[in-house]
Structures are given as structure tokens and as C-alpha cells.
Amino acid sequence: MDQIVKLVREKTGLGEDQARTAVTTVLDFLKAKLPAPVAGQIDSVVGGGHAGDTLGQAGSMLGGMFGNDK
């Protein structure tokens, strides 16, 4: 999660606490809206393991969902 918070801070200029609150809010929203098998993977992706690779993939997918085709 620290990687996401850092990215939000860099992109928005928010402070640590505000960025962490924003990230937590978005993650909680996604967990509530996504199907259970997908939502259950959010904590494992954000918490560790191969988070860097998976977060990159997740970011690409989410970007595509919101019309950002990078």
C-alpha cells in the first residue's frame, strides 16, 4: 500500500495522511463493489507478494476502465 500512497502523493501533492486516506477509501470502495473472489485479492495485492507486478496490471486495467489507454 505504501507504493500506492507514494504515487498518490507524487501525483496530487497531498500529504501522507490525506493520501493514505484517499487510497484506503478507494480500496474499500473497490472491495465493496467487486465480485468476492476479486475483492478478496485486493488485500493480498496491496499487502505484499508480487504487488509491484500485480499493481501495475491492476492499474492498467483500471486505467482502461476509465478511458486511460496508456
PDB file of N, CA and C in Angstrom:
ATOM      1  N   MET A   1       0.819  -1.188   0.000  1.00  0.00           N
ATOM      2  CA  MET A   1       0.000   0.000   0.000  1.00  0.00           C
ATOM      3  C   MET A   1       0.863   1.251   0.000  1.00  0.00           C
ATOM      4  N   ASP A   2       2.033   1.152   0.581  1.00  0.00           N
ATOM      5  CA  ASP A   2       2.909   2.316   0.641  1.00  0.00           C
ATOM      6  C   ASP A   2       3.275   2.822  -0.751  1.00  0.00           C
ATOM      7  N   GLN A   3       3.406   1.903  -1.707  1.00  0.00           N
ATOM      8  CA  GLN A   3       3.724   2.316  -3.076  1.00  0.00           C
ATOM      9  C   GLN A   3       2.597   3.146  -3.669  1.00  0.00           C
ATOM     10  N   ILE A   4       1.368   2.732  -3.416  1.00  0.00           N
ATOM     11  CA  ILE A   4       0.224   3.469  -3.945  1.00  0.00           C
ATOM     12  C   ILE A   4       0.128   4.832  -3.270  1.00  0.00           C
ATOM     13  N   VAL A   5       0.316   4.868  -1.961  1.00  0.00           N
ATOM     14  CA  VAL A   5       0.265   6.134  -1.229  1.00  0.00           C
ATOM     15  C   VAL A   5       1.327   7.077  -1.768  1.00  0.00           C
ATOM     16  N   LYS A   6       2.522   6.565  -1.998  1.00  0.00           N
ATOM     17  CA  LYS A   6       3.601   7.392  -2.532  1.00  0.00           C
ATOM     18  C   LYS A   6       3.226   7.940  -3.908  1.00  0.00           C
ATOM     19  N   LEU A   7       2.658   7.099  -4.741  1.00  0.00           N
ATOM     20  CA  LEU A   7       2.253   7.526  -6.075  1.00  0.00           C
ATOM     21  C   LEU A   7       1.174   8.610  -6.000  1.00  0.00           C
ATOM     22  N   VAL A   8       0.202   8.431  -5.125  1.00  0.00           N
ATOM     23  CA  VAL A   8      -0.857   9.435  -4.958  1.00  0.00           C
ATOM     24  C   VAL A   8      -0.253  10.746  -4.477  1.00  0.00           C
ATOM     25  N   ARG A   9       0.689  10.662  -3.546  1.00  0.00           N
ATOM     26  CA  ARG A   9       1.349  11.880  -3.048  1.00  0.00           C
ATOM     27  C   ARG A   9       2.080  12.604  -4.169  1.00  0.00           C
ATOM     28  N   GLU A  10       2.807  11.853  -4.983  1.00  0.00           N
ATOM     29  CA  GLU A  10       3.562  12.449  -6.081  1.00  0.00           C
ATOM     30  C   GLU A  10       2.649  13.091  -7.117  1.00  0.00           C
ATOM     31  N   LYS A  11       1.558  12.412  -7.427  1.00  0.00           N
ATOM     32  CA  LYS A  11       0.653  12.889  -8.482  1.00  0.00           C
ATOM     33  C   LYS A  11      -0.243  14.037  -8.025  1.00  0.00           C
ATOM     34  N   THR A  12      -0.559  14.090  -6.727  1.00  0.00           N
ATOM     35  CA  THR A  12      -1.543  15.069  -6.250  1.00  0.00           C
ATOM     36  C   THR A  12      -0.961  16.157  -5.354  1.00  0.00           C
ATOM     37  N   GLY A  13       0.179  15.883  -4.747  1.00  0.00           N
ATOM     38  CA  GLY A  13       0.733  16.839  -3.797  1.00  0.00           C
ATOM     39  C   GLY A  13       0.094  16.744  -2.421  1.00  0.00           C
ATOM     40  N   LEU A  14      -0.727  15.728  -2.188  1.00  0.00           N
ATOM     41  CA  LEU A  14      -1.347  15.539  -0.878  1.00  0.00           C
ATOM     42  C   LEU A  14      -0.306  15.119   0.148  1.00  0.00           C
ATOM     43  N   GLY A  15      -0.591  15.379   1.400  1.00  0.00           N
ATOM     44  CA  GLY A  15       0.258  14.919   2.479  1.00  0.00           C
ATOM     45  C   GLY A  15       0.074  13.428   2.707  1.00  0.00           C
ATOM     46  N   GLU A  16       0.942  12.868   3.530  1.00  0.00           N
ATOM     47  CA  GLU A  16       0.923  11.426   3.819  1.00  0.00           C
ATOM     48  C   GLU A  16      -0.444  10.953   4.316  1.00  0.00           C
ATOM     49  N   ASP A  17      -0.988  11.623   5.325  1.00  0.00           N
ATOM     50  CA  ASP A  17      -2.264  11.183   5.904  1.00  0.00           C
ATOM     51  C   ASP A  17      -3.408  11.281   4.907  1.00  0.00           C
ATOM     52  N   GLN A  18      -3.453  12.374   4.153  1.00  0.00           N
ATOM     53  CA  GLN A  18      -4.520  12.545   3.172  1.00  0.00           C
ATOM     54  C   GLN A  18      -4.415  11.517   2.048  1.00  0.00           C
ATOM     55  N   ALA A  19      -3.207  11.261   1.580  1.00  0.00           N
ATOM     56  CA  ALA A  19      -3.013  10.278   0.516  1.00  0.00           C
ATOM     57  C   ALA A  19      -3.399   8.889   0.997  1.00  0.00           C
ATOM     58  N   ARG A  20      -3.010   8.540   2.214  1.00  0.00           N
ATOM     59  CA  ARG A  20      -3.344   7.228   2.776  1.00  0.00           C
ATOM     60  C   ARG A  20      -4.870   7.084   2.926  1.00  0.00           C
ATOM     61  N   THR A  21      -5.531   8.153   3.362  1.00  0.00           N
ATOM     62  CA  THR A  21      -6.993   8.129   3.483  1.00  0.00           C
ATOM     63  C   THR A  21      -7.641   7.954   2.117  1.00  0.00           C
ATOM     64  N   ALA A  22      -7.131   8.647   1.120  1.00  0.00           N
ATOM     65  CA  ALA A  22      -7.678   8.529  -0.236  1.00  0.00           C
ATOM     66  C   ALA A  22      -7.513   7.109  -0.766  1.00  0.00           C
ATOM     67  N   VAL A  23      -6.335   6.539  -0.595  1.00  0.00           N
ATOM     68  CA  VAL A  23      -6.076   5.183  -1.084  1.00  0.00           C
ATOM     69  C   VAL A  23      -6.962   4.178  -0.351  1.00  0.00           C
ATOM     70  N   THR A  24      -7.063   4.305   0.949  1.00  0.00           N
ATOM     71  CA  THR A  24      -7.895   3.398   1.735  1.00  0.00           C
ATOM     72  C   THR A  24      -9.355   3.498   1.308  1.00  0.00           C
ATOM     73  N   THR A  25      -9.820   4.710   1.059  1.00  0.00           N
ATOM     74  CA  THR A  25     -11.200   4.915   0.627  1.00  0.00           C
ATOM     75  C   THR A  25     -11.467   4.232  -0.708  1.00  0.00           C
ATOM     76  N   VAL A  26     -10.561   4.393  -1.653  1.00  0.00           N
ATOM     77  CA  VAL A  26     -10.736   3.780  -2.971  1.00  0.00           C
ATOM     78  C   VAL A  26     -10.676   2.259  -2.863  1.00  0.00           C
ATOM     79  N   LEU A  27      -9.720   1.744  -2.112  1.00  0.00           N
ATOM     80  CA  LEU A  27      -9.615   0.291  -1.963  1.00  0.00           C
ATOM     81  C   LEU A  27     -10.858  -0.294  -1.298  1.00  0.00           C
ATOM     82  N   ASP A  28     -11.358   0.370  -0.267  1.00  0.00           N
ATOM     83  CA  ASP A  28     -12.571  -0.106   0.403  1.00  0.00           C
ATOM     84  C   ASP A  28     -13.763  -0.080  -0.552  1.00  0.00           C
ATOM     85  N   PHE A  29     -13.855   0.965  -1.367  1.00  0.00           N
ATOM     86  CA  PHE A  29     -14.928   1.057  -2.354  1.00  0.00           C
ATOM     87  C   PHE A  29     -14.845  -0.089  -3.352  1.00  0.00           C
ATOM     88  N   LEU A  30     -13.637  -0.331  -3.874  1.00  0.00           N
ATOM     89  CA  LEU A  30     -13.463  -1.415  -4.838  1.00  0.00           C
ATOM     90  C   LEU A  30     -13.810  -2.768  -4.235  1.00  0.00           C
ATOM     91  N   LYS A  31     -13.372  -3.002  -3.000  1.00  0.00           N
ATOM     92  CA  LYS A  31     -13.673  -4.272  -2.336  1.00  0.00           C
ATOM     93  C   LYS A  31     -15.169  -4.461  -2.157  1.00  0.00           C
ATOM     94  N   ALA A  32     -15.892  -3.382  -1.929  1.00  0.00           N
ATOM     95  CA  ALA A  32     -17.340  -3.466  -1.737  1.00  0.00           C
ATOM     96  C   ALA A  32     -18.072  -3.709  -3.060  1.00  0.00           C
ATOM     97  N   LYS A  33     -17.514  -3.240  -4.162  1.00  0.00           N
ATOM     98  CA  LYS A  33     -18.204  -3.308  -5.447  1.00  0.00           C
ATOM     99  C   LYS A  33     -17.805  -4.495  -6.318  1.00  0.00           C
ATOM    100  N   LEU A  34     -16.611  -5.009  -6.137  1.00  0.00           N
ATOM    101  CA  LEU A  34     -16.129  -6.101  -6.976  1.00  0.00           C
ATOM    102  C   LEU A  34     -16.673  -7.441  -6.512  1.00  0.00           C
ATOM    103  N   PRO A  35     -16.723  -8.421  -7.415  1.00  0.00           N
ATOM    104  CA  PRO A  35     -17.127  -9.771  -7.004  1.00  0.00           C
ATOM    105  C   PRO A  35     -16.194 -10.281  -5.902  1.00  0.00           C
ATOM    106  N   ALA A  36     -16.728 -11.074  -5.009  1.00  0.00           N
ATOM    107  CA  ALA A  36     -15.985 -11.555  -3.834  1.00  0.00           C
ATOM    108  C   ALA A  36     -14.616 -12.145  -4.171  1.00  0.00           C
ATOM    109  N   PRO A  37     -14.488 -13.012  -5.201  1.00  0.00           N
ATOM    110  CA  PRO A  37     -13.164 -13.576  -5.478  1.00  0.00           C
ATOM    111  C   PRO A  37     -12.124 -12.510  -5.855  1.00  0.00           C
ATOM    112  N   VAL A  38     -12.564 -11.494  -6.563  1.00  0.00           N
ATOM    113  CA  VAL A  38     -11.648 -10.415  -6.960  1.00  0.00           C
ATOM    114  C   VAL A  38     -11.377  -9.503  -5.772  1.00  0.00           C
ATOM    115  N   ALA A  39     -12.425  -9.138  -5.063  1.00  0.00           N
ATOM    116  CA  ALA A  39     -12.282  -8.249  -3.914  1.00  0.00           C
ATOM    117  C   ALA A  39     -11.362  -8.850  -2.861  1.00  0.00           C
ATOM    118  N   GLY A  40     -11.425 -10.167  -2.697  1.00  0.00           N
ATOM    119  CA  GLY A  40     -10.581 -10.833  -1.713  1.00  0.00           C
ATOM    120  C   GLY A  40      -9.106 -10.769  -2.038  1.00  0.00           C
ATOM    121  N   GLN A  41      -8.782 -10.514  -3.281  1.00  0.00           N
ATOM    122  CA  GLN A  41      -7.385 -10.453  -3.692  1.00  0.00           C
ATOM    123  C   GLN A  41      -6.763  -9.063  -3.503  1.00  0.00           C
ATOM    124  N   ILE A  42      -7.584  -8.069  -3.279  1.00  0.00           N
ATOM    125  CA  ILE A  42      -7.072  -6.703  -3.159  1.00  0.00           C
ATOM    126  C   ILE A  42      -6.080  -6.586  -2.012  1.00  0.00           C
ATOM    127  N   ASP A  43      -6.422  -7.111  -0.844  1.00  0.00           N
ATOM    128  CA  ASP A  43      -5.514  -7.008   0.301  1.00  0.00           C
ATOM    129  C   ASP A  43      -4.203  -7.739   0.045  1.00  0.00           C
ATOM    130  N   SER A  44      -4.259  -8.880  -0.608  1.00  0.00           N
ATOM    131  CA  SER A  44      -3.020  -9.606  -0.873  1.00  0.00           C
ATOM    132  C   SER A  44      -2.170  -8.884  -1.901  1.00  0.00           C
ATOM    133  N   VAL A  45      -2.804  -8.226  -2.847  1.00  0.00           N
ATOM    134  CA  VAL A  45      -2.060  -7.472  -3.859  1.00  0.00           C
ATOM    135  C   VAL A  45      -1.400  -6.256  -3.235  1.00  0.00           C
ATOM    136  N   VAL A  46      -2.144  -5.554  -2.429  1.00  0.00           N
ATOM    137  CA  VAL A  46      -1.631  -4.328  -1.818  1.00  0.00           C
ATOM    138  C   VAL A  46      -0.664  -4.639  -0.682  1.00  0.00           C
ATOM    139  N   GLY A  47      -0.888  -5.761   0.006  1.00  0.00           N
ATOM    140  CA  GLY A  47      -0.107  -6.072   1.183  1.00  0.00           C
ATOM    141  C   GLY A  47       1.270  -6.641   0.940  1.00  0.00           C
ATOM    142  N   GLY A  48       1.522  -7.218  -0.205  1.00  0.00           N
ATOM    143  CA  GLY A  48       2.847  -7.790  -0.422  1.00  0.00           C
ATOM    144  C   GLY A  48       2.857  -8.795  -1.544  1.00  0.00           C
ATOM    145  N   GLY A  49       3.762  -9.720  -1.458  1.00  0.00           N
ATOM    146  CA  GLY A  49       3.900 -10.713  -2.518  1.00  0.00           C
ATOM    147  C   GLY A  49       4.460 -10.067  -3.769  1.00  0.00           C
ATOM    148  N   HIS A  50       3.807 -10.295  -4.868  1.00  0.00           N
ATOM    149  CA  HIS A  50       4.236  -9.719  -6.133  1.00  0.00           C
ATOM    150  C   HIS A  50       3.430  -8.457  -6.419  1.00  0.00           C
ATOM    151  N   ALA A  51       3.317  -7.623  -5.421  1.00  0.00           N
ATOM    152  CA  ALA A  51       2.453  -6.448  -5.515  1.00  0.00           C
ATOM    153  C   ALA A  51       2.854  -5.519  -6.645  1.00  0.00           C
ATOM    154  N   GLY A  52       4.139  -5.326  -6.867  1.00  0.00           N
ATOM    155  CA  GLY A  52       4.569  -4.404  -7.910  1.00  0.00           C
ATOM    156  C   GLY A  52       4.036  -4.797  -9.269  1.00  0.00           C
ATOM    157  N   ASP A  53       4.217  -6.045  -9.656  1.00  0.00           N
ATOM    158  CA  ASP A  53       3.728  -6.519 -10.944  1.00  0.00           C
ATOM    159  C   ASP A  53       2.209  -6.486 -10.989  1.00  0.00           C
ATOM    160  N   THR A  54       1.585  -6.964  -9.940  1.00  0.00           N
ATOM    161  CA  THR A  54       0.134  -7.048  -9.928  1.00  0.00           C
ATOM    162  C   THR A  54      -0.485  -5.667  -9.887  1.00  0.00           C
ATOM    163  N   LEU A  55       0.113  -4.753  -9.127  1.00  0.00           N
ATOM    164  CA  LEU A  55      -0.415  -3.399  -9.084  1.00  0.00           C
ATOM    165  C   LEU A  55      -0.308  -2.736 -10.444  1.00  0.00           C
ATOM    166  N   GLY A  56       0.773  -2.986 -11.135  1.00  0.00           N
ATOM    167  CA  GLY A  56       0.917  -2.437 -12.478  1.00  0.00           C
ATOM    168  C   GLY A  56      -0.168  -2.949 -13.397  1.00  0.00           C
ATOM    169  N   GLN A  57      -0.448  -4.229 -13.320  1.00  0.00           N
ATOM    170  CA  GLN A  57      -1.510  -4.813 -14.136  1.00  0.00           C
ATOM    171  C   GLN A  57      -2.868  -4.247 -13.726  1.00  0.00           C
ATOM    172  N   ALA A  58      -3.099  -4.160 -12.433  1.00  0.00           N
ATOM    173  CA  ALA A  58      -4.371  -3.629 -11.947  1.00  0.00           C
ATOM    174  C   ALA A  58      -4.540  -2.178 -12.368  1.00  0.00           C
ATOM    175  N   GLY A  59      -3.469  -1.413 -12.281  1.00  0.00           N
ATOM    176  CA  GLY A  59      -3.520  -0.013 -12.701  1.00  0.00           C
ATOM    177  C   GLY A  59      -3.844   0.123 -14.171  1.00  0.00           C
ATOM    178  N   SER A  60      -3.265  -0.736 -14.986  1.00  0.00           N
ATOM    179  CA  SER A  60      -3.553  -0.714 -16.416  1.00  0.00           C
ATOM    180  C   SER A  60      -5.011  -1.047 -16.681  1.00  0.00           C
ATOM    181  N   MET A  61      -5.515  -2.062 -15.973  1.00  0.00           N
ATOM    182  CA  MET A  61      -6.915  -2.446 -16.167  1.00  0.00           C
ATOM    183  C   MET A  61      -7.850  -1.330 -15.718  1.00  0.00           C
ATOM    184  N   LEU A  62      -7.561  -0.742 -14.551  1.00  0.00           N
ATOM    185  CA  LEU A  62      -8.410   0.335 -14.056  1.00  0.00           C
ATOM    186  C   LEU A  62      -8.323   1.553 -14.960  1.00  0.00           C
ATOM    187  N   GLY A  63      -7.127   1.837 -15.459  1.00  0.00           N
ATOM    188  CA  GLY A  63      -6.976   2.952 -16.394  1.00  0.00           C
ATOM    189  C   GLY A  63      -7.818   2.742 -17.629  1.00  0.00           C
ATOM    190  N   GLY A  64      -7.844   1.507 -18.138  1.00  0.00           N
ATOM    191  CA  GLY A  64      -8.671   1.186 -19.295  1.00  0.00           C
ATOM    192  C   GLY A  64     -10.149   1.360 -18.998  1.00  0.00           C
ATOM    193  N   MET A  65     -10.549   1.014 -17.786  1.00  0.00           N
ATOM    194  CA  MET A  65     -11.944   1.155 -17.403  1.00  0.00           C
ATOM    195  C   MET A  65     -12.368   2.615 -17.400  1.00  0.00           C
ATOM    196  N   PHE A  66     -11.412   3.509 -17.093  1.00  0.00           N
ATOM    197  CA  PHE A  66     -11.727   4.920 -17.001  1.00  0.00           C
ATOM    198  C   PHE A  66     -11.275   5.700 -18.240  1.00  0.00           C
ATOM    199  N   GLY A  67     -10.980   4.973 -19.315  1.00  0.00           N
ATOM    200  CA  GLY A  67     -10.660   5.620 -20.577  1.00  0.00           C
ATOM    201  C   GLY A  67      -9.232   6.085 -20.730  1.00  0.00           C
ATOM    202  N   ASN A  68      -8.335   5.597 -19.900  1.00  0.00           N
ATOM    203  CA  ASN A  68      -6.924   5.972 -19.987  1.00  0.00           C
ATOM    204  C   ASN A  68      -6.170   4.803 -20.569  1.00  0.00           C
ATOM    205  N   ASP A  69      -5.950   4.815 -21.880  1.00  0.00           N
ATOM    206  CA  ASP A  69      -5.322   3.686 -22.561  1.00  0.00           C
ATOM    207  C   ASP A  69      -3.826   3.888 -22.724  1.00  0.00           C
ATOM    208  N   LYS A  70      -3.096   3.906 -21.627  1.00  0.00           N
ATOM    209  CA  LYS A  70      -1.629   4.068 -21.685  1.00  0.00           C
ATOM    210  C   LYS A  70      -0.990   2.768 -22.011  1.00  0.00           C
TER     211      LYS A  70
END
